[in-house]
C-alpha cells in the first residue's frame, strides 16, 4: 500500500506531516511521489494564505475520478479543517472524502484510518477545544541532517489579521526534558542542525521558571548538534535573557527572524501587534549592540485595511534602516473569522499589488549589495547535497541561511565544513573549500 502526502503552509505543518508519515509508515504504507499510484492521499492544509482554499478544492476535484476508479482513500487535515465554513463546504461539495481531521486530533490518525479500512466508515475527527500535548508519535523525517522540533503549540496573541489562534488553540508548551531527549536522539542519529518551532517560540514556558533562554542554553550543550535556529518569535517577547543566550552561544544562528508585519505604529496597533515602530527599531539596535554580526529576516504584510500611503512609507523606512537579509512579503488577504476581515477601508487590490512591487523593488535593490560582504570571507556551511540544477555541484547554507554552491565530493554531504566565498549571484553565493 502506498501513500502520497502534500503539505500546505508553514514549518509547523511540515513537522505535522512528518508525524503523519511516521504513523502511516508504521502501519505498513510506503511513500510515493506519484499521486496516481497512491492508495492513500493525505492533504495537510493551511488557512493563512488567500489561495489555500482554491488550491485544496482544485486538488480534491482532480482526485475525485481517481477515487471512483481505484477506491483511493482521501484524508484532509490541518488548520483549514478547524474552520466551520470550510467543514460545511466539505460536507456539501466534497463528501467523498474519507477522513477529515483537525490540528488537535492528528495523534488519532491511525485509529481513524483503521475505521475507514475495516468498517468502511467516513470519519470526521475535529474538536474545537485546545488539544493536549501528545508525546511519542512516530515520525518520518524528510532530511537526514536537519530536523525541526516543535517546542510549543498554539498562540495567545490574536493579531487581528491572523486565523491561527482560532485553529491551533491557546499556547501549550512541551516539557523541557521531552524536547531535550528528542534532540539528543536526533544528535545520535547524525543530525547537525535543529530548528525549534512554535507559533511564538520565545513565549515558551516549561514551568518552574524555565523559559526560552534556558531551553536555548540547554540545547547548545547537546553534543553533535552544531547549529540551532528558531521560528517564529514575537518582538514583544524578545527578552534580554534570550538576546544574551544568542550572543554567548556560537551554535545559535546569528540571523534572527523578527517579524515586523508593518512599519507604521498606527497600523501595528490595528494589527494588535503590541509594539510600535520605535520599539521595534530600538530592539533591533539593542541586538546589534549585544550580538556580534547579527542579521535579520522578517515578515511584512502589505495592504492591511486602512493602510495609507504614509503608513506604507513607514514600512519602507524600517526596511531601509534595518537592512534585512531576507524578507518574506505577503499581500494582505481577508480570513473569515478574524477581526481584520470585518474592518472598513479594505485596500483595493491594485493599490496592494502596487505597494507589494515597490517593497519588492526596494528589497531586490539591496540583495547584491548585501552579498558583497560575504566575498572573501570563510563561512561554515552544512552540506545539504547536490544542487537540483547541477548534479556536479554541492550546495549548503551559511549560518545566515544563504545558499552556497561549490565543487566537492559526495563524502562531504551532511558535514559542517568551511567554504571561502568567491562570488555572489544575487540569490546564491559561490565558493571553494
Protein backbone atom coordinates (compact mmCIF):
# COMPACT_ATOMS: atom_id res chain seq x y z
CA UNK A 1 0.00 0.00 0.00
CA UNK A 2 1.34 3.42 -0.94
CA UNK A 3 0.62 6.89 0.42
CA UNK A 4 1.05 10.36 -1.02
CA UNK A 5 1.18 13.44 1.20
CA UNK A 6 1.04 17.15 0.34
CA UNK A 7 1.79 19.83 2.89
CA UNK A 8 0.41 23.32 2.58
CA UNK A 9 1.69 26.01 4.93
CA UNK A 10 4.38 26.65 7.49
CA UNK A 11 7.16 24.56 9.05
CA UNK A 12 4.80 23.51 11.84
CA UNK A 13 2.62 21.93 9.16
CA UNK A 14 5.72 20.28 7.68
CA UNK A 15 6.55 18.87 11.10
CA UNK A 16 2.97 17.58 11.48
CA UNK A 17 3.27 15.91 8.06
CA UNK A 18 6.45 14.14 9.16
CA UNK A 19 4.45 12.72 12.08
CA UNK A 20 1.61 11.67 9.77
CA UNK A 21 4.19 9.95 7.56
CA UNK A 22 5.62 8.20 10.62
CA UNK A 23 2.15 6.97 11.63
CA UNK A 24 1.21 5.51 8.24
CA UNK A 25 4.67 4.02 7.58
CA UNK A 26 4.38 2.23 10.93
CA UNK A 27 1.09 0.80 9.57
CA UNK A 28 2.95 -0.58 6.55
CA UNK A 29 2.42 2.13 3.95
CA UNK A 30 5.25 3.15 1.63
CA UNK A 31 5.65 6.75 0.48
CA UNK A 32 5.23 7.59 -3.20
CA UNK A 33 5.74 10.82 -5.14
CA UNK A 34 3.16 9.68 -7.70
CA UNK A 35 -0.41 10.69 -6.90
CA UNK A 36 -1.77 8.19 -9.45
CA UNK A 37 -0.30 5.14 -7.69
CA UNK A 38 -1.34 6.17 -4.17
CA UNK A 39 -3.81 4.06 -2.16
CA UNK A 40 -3.97 6.81 0.47
CA UNK A 41 -3.76 10.55 -0.22
CA UNK A 42 -3.25 13.00 2.66
CA UNK A 43 -3.58 16.77 2.29
CA UNK A 44 -2.30 18.67 5.33
CA UNK A 45 -3.84 22.11 4.92
CA UNK A 46 -3.10 25.72 5.82
CA UNK A 47 -5.59 28.57 6.13
CA UNK A 48 -3.26 31.56 6.36
CA UNK A 49 -2.94 32.38 2.66
CA UNK A 50 -5.78 33.53 0.43
CA UNK A 51 -5.28 30.92 -2.28
CA UNK A 52 -5.02 27.98 0.16
CA UNK A 53 -8.71 27.12 -0.23
CA UNK A 54 -8.61 27.29 -4.03
CA UNK A 55 -5.54 25.03 -4.04
CA UNK A 56 -7.20 22.41 -1.86
CA UNK A 57 -10.54 22.35 -3.68
CA UNK A 58 -8.76 22.19 -7.03
CA UNK A 59 -6.75 19.17 -5.87
CA UNK A 60 -9.85 17.45 -4.49
CA UNK A 61 -11.68 17.95 -7.77
CA UNK A 62 -8.82 16.30 -9.66
CA UNK A 63 -8.78 13.40 -7.20
CA UNK A 64 -12.47 12.51 -7.46
CA UNK A 65 -12.07 10.44 -10.64
CA UNK A 66 -9.12 8.52 -9.18
CA UNK A 67 -11.22 7.66 -6.13
CA UNK A 68 -14.07 6.41 -8.29
CA UNK A 69 -11.75 4.22 -10.39
CA UNK A 70 -9.35 2.96 -7.73
CA UNK A 71 -11.01 3.48 -4.35
CA UNK A 72 -8.21 5.76 -3.15
CA UNK A 73 -8.68 6.83 0.48
CA UNK A 74 -8.67 10.63 0.83
CA UNK A 75 -7.69 12.25 4.15
CA UNK A 76 -7.80 16.00 4.71
CA UNK A 77 -6.34 17.56 7.86
CA UNK A 78 -4.66 20.60 9.30
CA UNK A 79 -5.63 24.18 10.05
CA UNK A 80 -8.27 24.64 7.34
CA UNK A 81 -10.32 21.79 8.78
CA UNK A 82 -10.75 23.80 12.01
CA UNK A 83 -12.76 26.45 10.15
CA UNK A 84 -16.56 25.91 10.35
CA UNK A 85 -17.29 27.38 6.90
CA UNK A 86 -14.73 25.02 5.31
CA UNK A 87 -16.20 21.99 7.09
CA UNK A 88 -19.62 22.95 5.76
CA UNK A 89 -18.25 23.27 2.23
CA UNK A 90 -16.55 19.87 2.54
CA UNK A 91 -19.86 18.35 3.64
CA UNK A 92 -21.83 19.95 0.79
CA UNK A 93 -19.41 19.60 -2.15
CA UNK A 94 -16.68 17.09 -1.25
CA UNK A 95 -18.47 14.42 0.78
CA UNK A 96 -16.47 11.70 -0.99
CA UNK A 97 -13.51 12.41 1.31
CA UNK A 98 -12.93 9.60 3.83
CA UNK A 99 -11.17 11.28 6.76
CA UNK A 100 -11.33 14.86 7.98
CA UNK A 101 -9.12 15.59 10.99
CA UNK A 102 -8.11 18.79 12.73
CA UNK A 103 -4.98 20.19 14.35
CA UNK A 104 -5.87 18.66 17.73
CA UNK A 105 -6.55 15.08 16.56
CA UNK A 106 -3.51 14.25 14.44
CA UNK A 107 -2.41 11.64 17.01
CA UNK A 108 -5.61 9.65 16.31
CA UNK A 109 -4.90 9.27 12.60
CA UNK A 110 -4.05 5.55 12.84
CA UNK A 111 -7.32 4.89 14.65
CA UNK A 112 -9.27 6.97 12.10
CA UNK A 113 -7.65 5.24 9.13
CA UNK A 114 -8.39 1.80 10.59
CA UNK A 115 -12.08 2.71 10.86
CA UNK A 116 -12.13 3.55 7.17
CA UNK A 117 -10.23 0.39 6.18
CA UNK A 118 -12.05 -2.07 8.43
CA UNK A 119 -15.54 -0.60 8.83
CA UNK A 120 -15.80 1.38 5.57
CA UNK A 121 -16.91 4.40 7.59
CA UNK A 122 -16.27 8.04 6.89
CA UNK A 123 -14.53 9.76 9.80
CA UNK A 124 -14.93 13.38 10.92
CA UNK A 125 -12.47 13.92 13.76
CA UNK A 126 -12.34 17.65 14.52
CA UNK A 127 -12.59 19.17 18.01
CA UNK A 128 -12.86 22.84 18.97
CA UNK A 129 -11.18 22.64 22.37
CA UNK A 130 -7.43 23.05 22.73
CA UNK A 131 -5.65 19.78 22.13
CA UNK A 132 -3.29 18.07 24.54
CA UNK A 133 0.45 17.93 24.02
CA UNK A 134 0.89 14.37 22.71
CA UNK A 135 4.36 12.86 23.01
CA UNK A 136 5.93 9.81 21.39
CA UNK A 137 4.33 9.88 17.95
CA UNK A 138 6.37 8.10 15.27
CA UNK A 139 7.99 10.45 12.79
CA UNK A 140 9.44 10.01 9.30
CA UNK A 141 11.74 12.95 8.63
CA UNK A 142 12.34 14.46 5.21
CA UNK A 143 16.01 15.27 5.84
CA UNK A 144 18.92 13.29 7.27
CA UNK A 145 20.92 16.19 8.71
CA UNK A 146 18.46 18.99 9.52
CA UNK A 147 15.42 18.48 11.73
CA UNK A 148 12.66 20.65 13.14
CA UNK A 149 11.45 20.12 16.69
CA UNK A 150 8.16 21.62 17.89
CA UNK A 151 8.56 23.10 21.38
CA UNK A 152 5.06 24.58 21.77
CA UNK A 153 1.66 24.68 20.14
CA UNK A 154 -0.94 27.39 19.69
CA UNK A 155 -0.90 31.16 20.12
CA UNK A 156 -2.32 33.70 22.58
CA UNK A 157 -1.64 36.86 20.60
CA UNK A 158 -4.76 37.25 18.43
CA UNK A 159 -3.21 39.51 15.80
CA UNK A 160 -6.25 40.95 14.04
CA UNK A 161 -5.31 39.54 10.59
CA UNK A 162 -4.47 36.03 11.78
CA UNK A 163 -6.65 32.93 12.00
CA UNK A 164 -4.00 30.78 13.74
CA UNK A 165 -5.20 31.17 17.39
CA UNK A 166 -8.66 30.02 16.30
CA UNK A 167 -7.40 26.89 14.53
CA UNK A 168 -4.32 25.99 16.61
CA UNK A 169 -5.72 26.94 20.03
CA UNK A 170 -4.03 28.51 23.06
CA UNK A 171 -0.33 28.20 23.85
CA UNK A 172 0.76 24.85 25.24
CA UNK A 173 4.47 24.21 25.87
CA UNK A 174 6.16 20.82 25.84
CA UNK A 175 8.13 19.72 28.89
CA UNK A 176 11.85 20.65 28.62
CA UNK A 177 13.07 17.08 29.19
CA UNK A 178 10.87 15.78 26.35
CA UNK A 179 12.30 18.37 23.94
CA UNK A 180 15.90 17.80 25.03
CA UNK A 181 15.56 14.00 24.83
CA UNK A 182 14.19 14.29 21.28
CA UNK A 183 17.13 16.49 20.24
CA UNK A 184 19.66 14.18 21.93
CA UNK A 185 18.16 11.29 19.97
CA UNK A 186 18.47 13.28 16.74
CA UNK A 187 22.11 14.03 17.54
CA UNK A 188 22.88 10.33 17.94
CA UNK A 189 21.28 9.74 14.51
CA UNK A 190 23.70 12.22 12.91
CA UNK A 191 21.54 15.34 12.72
CA UNK A 192 23.62 18.53 12.78
CA UNK A 193 21.07 21.34 12.62
CA UNK A 194 17.92 21.80 14.71
CA UNK A 195 15.14 24.33 14.19
CA UNK A 196 12.97 24.94 17.24
CA UNK A 197 9.38 25.53 16.15
CA UNK A 198 6.41 27.29 17.65
CA UNK A 199 3.77 29.81 16.68
CA UNK A 200 5.51 32.11 19.15
CA UNK A 201 8.67 30.36 20.32
CA UNK A 202 10.01 33.00 22.67
CA UNK A 203 6.91 32.83 24.88
CA UNK A 204 7.84 29.19 25.63
CA UNK A 205 7.16 28.27 29.27
CA UNK A 206 8.47 24.95 30.53
CA UNK A 207 7.27 25.56 34.10
CA UNK A 208 9.25 26.28 37.28
CA UNK A 209 10.58 29.50 35.75
CA UNK A 210 12.16 27.57 32.85
CA UNK A 211 11.85 29.86 29.83
CA UNK A 212 13.02 30.02 26.22
CA UNK A 213 16.51 31.30 27.12
CA UNK A 214 17.02 28.29 29.43
CA UNK A 215 15.97 25.94 26.64
CA UNK A 216 18.39 27.56 24.17
CA UNK A 217 21.25 27.18 26.66
CA UNK A 218 20.45 23.50 27.25
CA UNK A 219 20.10 22.66 23.54
CA UNK A 220 23.52 24.22 22.96
CA UNK A 221 25.03 21.72 25.44
CA UNK A 222 23.97 18.70 23.36
CA UNK A 223 26.97 17.09 21.66
CA UNK A 224 26.65 16.61 17.92
CA UNK A 225 24.24 19.49 17.33
CA UNK A 226 26.26 22.19 15.58
CA UNK A 227 23.65 24.78 14.56
CA UNK A 228 20.40 25.91 16.18
CA UNK A 229 17.69 28.03 14.59
CA UNK A 230 14.23 29.00 15.83
CA UNK A 231 10.99 30.36 14.36
CA UNK A 232 8.83 32.28 14.82
CA UNK A 233 9.49 34.67 17.69
CA UNK A 234 7.42 37.73 18.56
CA UNK A 235 9.20 41.09 19.03
CA UNK A 236 7.21 41.83 22.21
CA UNK A 237 8.61 38.67 23.87
CA UNK A 238 12.27 39.17 22.90
CA UNK A 239 13.62 39.44 26.44
CA UNK A 240 17.19 40.33 27.41
CA UNK A 241 17.96 36.78 28.57
CA UNK A 242 17.13 35.44 25.08
CA UNK A 243 19.39 38.06 23.48
CA UNK A 244 22.13 37.07 25.95
CA UNK A 245 21.71 33.36 25.11
CA UNK A 246 22.07 34.07 21.38
CA UNK A 247 25.09 36.30 21.99
CA UNK A 248 27.08 33.84 24.10
CA UNK A 249 26.30 30.59 22.24
CA UNK A 250 28.17 30.10 18.96
CA UNK A 251 25.83 27.29 17.93
CA UNK A 252 22.80 29.59 17.70
CA UNK A 253 22.37 31.12 14.26
CA UNK A 254 23.05 34.84 14.19
CA UNK A 255 20.30 35.57 11.69
CA UNK A 256 17.23 36.44 13.74
CA UNK A 257 13.77 36.15 12.23
CA UNK A 258 11.97 39.18 13.65
CA UNK A 259 8.50 39.58 12.12
CA UNK A 260 7.70 43.25 11.51
CA UNK A 261 4.37 42.90 9.64
CA UNK A 262 4.10 46.70 9.24
CA UNK A 263 6.31 49.73 9.88
CA UNK A 264 3.53 52.10 10.89
CA UNK A 265 2.73 52.37 14.61
CA UNK A 266 -0.91 53.12 13.77
CA UNK A 267 -1.23 50.01 11.61
CA UNK A 268 0.63 47.89 14.18
CA UNK A 269 -1.96 48.94 16.76
CA UNK A 270 -4.78 47.95 14.39
CA UNK A 271 -2.99 44.63 13.86
CA UNK A 272 -2.83 44.14 17.67
CA UNK A 273 0.92 43.58 17.49
CA UNK A 274 1.64 45.29 20.86
CA UNK A 275 4.78 47.21 19.81
CA UNK A 276 5.46 50.46 17.98
CA UNK A 277 7.74 51.26 15.07
CA UNK A 278 10.13 52.92 17.51
CA UNK A 279 10.16 49.94 19.89
CA UNK A 280 10.90 47.58 17.00
CA UNK A 281 13.84 49.70 15.83
CA UNK A 282 15.12 50.00 19.41
CA UNK A 283 15.02 46.20 19.74
CA UNK A 284 16.99 45.82 16.50
CA UNK A 285 19.56 48.34 17.75
CA UNK A 286 19.85 46.54 21.08
CA UNK A 287 20.52 43.23 19.30
CA UNK A 288 23.08 44.83 17.00
CA UNK A 289 24.92 46.14 20.07
CA UNK A 290 24.77 42.86 22.00
CA UNK A 291 25.15 40.20 19.26
CA UNK A 292 28.23 40.48 17.01
CA UNK A 293 27.47 40.22 13.26
CA UNK A 294 23.72 39.79 13.85
CA UNK A 295 21.48 39.85 10.77
CA UNK A 296 17.70 39.96 10.44
CA UNK A 297 14.96 38.39 8.37
CA UNK A 298 11.32 39.41 8.63
CA UNK A 299 7.70 39.05 7.53
CA UNK A 300 5.82 42.03 6.08
CA UNK A 301 2.13 42.31 5.18
CA UNK A 302 1.26 44.90 2.52
CA UNK A 303 -2.20 46.45 2.18
CA UNK A 304 -3.68 45.88 5.65
CA UNK A 305 -7.13 47.53 5.96
CA UNK A 306 -6.83 51.31 6.27
CA UNK A 307 -3.11 51.37 5.35
CA UNK A 308 -2.37 54.82 3.93
CA UNK A 309 0.49 55.85 1.68
CA UNK A 310 2.14 57.41 4.74
CA UNK A 311 1.78 54.13 6.65
CA UNK A 312 3.37 52.23 3.80
CA UNK A 313 6.25 54.72 3.66
CA UNK A 314 6.87 53.91 7.35
CA UNK A 315 7.28 50.26 6.36
CA UNK A 316 9.78 51.18 3.64
CA UNK A 317 11.61 53.36 6.19
CA UNK A 318 12.06 50.40 8.56
CA UNK A 319 13.27 48.22 5.67
CA UNK A 320 15.92 50.82 4.80
CA UNK A 321 17.04 51.25 8.43
CA UNK A 322 17.24 47.56 9.39
CA UNK A 323 18.62 46.36 6.04
CA UNK A 324 17.02 42.91 6.30
CA UNK A 325 18.94 39.95 4.93
CA UNK A 326 15.68 38.31 3.88
CA UNK A 327 12.06 39.49 3.66
CA UNK A 328 9.02 37.24 3.35
CA UNK A 329 6.41 39.52 1.76
CA UNK A 330 2.67 38.95 1.72
CA UNK A 331 -0.26 40.83 0.26
CA UNK A 332 -2.96 41.10 2.92
CA UNK A 333 -5.81 38.67 2.34
CA UNK A 334 -9.05 38.52 4.32
CA UNK A 335 -9.59 35.48 6.52
CA UNK A 336 -13.13 34.68 7.68
CA UNK A 337 -13.30 34.74 11.48
CA UNK A 338 -10.62 37.38 12.05
CA UNK A 339 -11.12 40.93 13.34
CA UNK A 340 -9.47 42.46 10.26
CA UNK A 341 -11.95 40.77 7.93
CA UNK A 342 -14.70 43.00 9.32
CA UNK A 343 -12.67 46.22 9.22
CA UNK A 344 -13.79 49.03 6.91
CA UNK A 345 -11.35 50.60 4.45
CA UNK A 346 -10.23 47.36 2.80
CA UNK A 347 -7.47 48.34 0.37
CA UNK A 348 -8.18 47.91 -3.38
CA UNK A 349 -6.23 45.06 -4.99
CA UNK A 350 -4.50 47.41 -7.42
CA UNK A 351 -3.04 49.51 -4.59
CA UNK A 352 -1.99 46.41 -2.62
CA UNK A 353 -0.16 44.96 -5.63
CA UNK A 354 1.50 48.31 -6.41
CA UNK A 355 2.83 48.58 -2.86
CA UNK A 356 3.98 44.98 -2.90
CA UNK A 357 6.01 45.65 -6.07
CA UNK A 358 7.56 48.75 -4.52
CA UNK A 359 8.59 46.80 -1.42
CA UNK A 360 10.00 44.00 -3.56
CA UNK A 361 11.92 46.52 -5.68
CA UNK A 362 13.48 48.08 -2.57
CA UNK A 363 14.49 44.70 -1.19
CA UNK A 364 15.84 43.45 -4.53
CA UNK A 365 18.00 46.58 -4.85
CA UNK A 366 19.79 45.63 -1.62
CA UNK A 367 20.37 41.90 -2.14
CA UNK A 368 23.50 42.04 -4.30
CA UNK A 369 24.94 44.88 -2.21
CA UNK A 370 24.43 42.86 0.97
CA UNK A 371 26.00 39.82 -0.69
CA UNK A 372 29.25 41.72 -1.27
CA UNK A 373 30.10 41.44 2.43
CA UNK A 374 30.42 37.65 2.04
CA UNK A 375 33.05 37.73 -0.72
CA UNK A 376 36.47 36.77 0.62
CA UNK A 377 35.06 35.53 3.94
CA UNK A 378 35.10 31.97 5.24
CA UNK A 379 31.64 30.63 6.02
CA UNK A 380 30.71 27.50 7.96
CA UNK A 381 28.10 25.61 5.96
CA UNK A 382 26.14 22.41 6.39
CA UNK A 383 26.40 20.48 3.11
CA UNK A 384 22.87 19.51 2.04
CA UNK A 385 23.73 17.51 -1.06
CA UNK A 386 23.94 18.11 -4.79
CA UNK A 387 22.29 21.11 -6.41
CA UNK A 388 18.91 20.45 -8.05
CA UNK A 389 20.06 22.48 -11.03
CA UNK A 390 23.51 20.89 -11.46
CA UNK A 391 24.27 17.36 -10.27
CA UNK A 392 28.03 18.10 -10.25
CA UNK A 393 27.76 20.94 -7.72
CA UNK A 394 27.36 20.57 -3.96
CA UNK A 395 25.19 23.02 -2.07
CA UNK A 396 24.68 24.11 1.51
CA UNK A 397 23.68 27.07 3.65
CA UNK A 398 25.57 29.55 5.76
CA UNK A 399 24.65 30.48 9.30
CA UNK A 400 22.71 33.38 7.76
CA UNK A 401 20.77 30.93 5.56
CA UNK A 402 22.46 31.94 2.30
CA UNK A 403 22.71 29.19 -0.33
CA UNK A 404 26.34 28.38 -1.28
CA UNK A 405 27.31 26.29 -4.32
CA UNK A 406 30.78 24.73 -4.63
CA UNK A 407 32.77 21.85 -6.09
CA UNK A 408 33.27 18.90 -3.79
CA UNK A 409 32.96 15.16 -3.22
CA UNK A 410 29.96 13.15 -2.03
CA UNK A 411 31.56 12.26 1.31
CA UNK A 412 31.08 15.90 2.40
CA UNK A 413 27.27 15.61 2.40
CA UNK A 414 25.91 16.02 5.93
CA UNK A 415 29.08 17.62 7.27
CA UNK A 416 29.79 21.13 8.51
CA UNK A 417 32.71 22.50 6.50
CA UNK A 418 34.41 25.83 5.88
CA UNK A 419 33.92 27.45 2.48
CA UNK A 420 35.65 30.56 1.19
CA UNK A 421 33.14 32.72 -0.71
CA UNK A 422 34.42 33.79 -4.12
CA UNK A 423 31.37 35.15 -6.00
CA UNK A 424 27.82 36.37 -5.46
CA UNK A 425 24.93 35.66 -7.83
CA UNK A 426 22.13 37.58 -6.08
CA UNK A 427 20.14 34.55 -4.88
CA UNK A 428 23.13 32.34 -4.10
CA UNK A 429 26.87 32.51 -3.41
CA UNK A 430 29.73 30.54 -4.98
CA UNK A 431 32.69 29.31 -3.01
CA UNK A 432 35.53 26.84 -2.66
CA UNK A 433 36.69 24.50 0.07
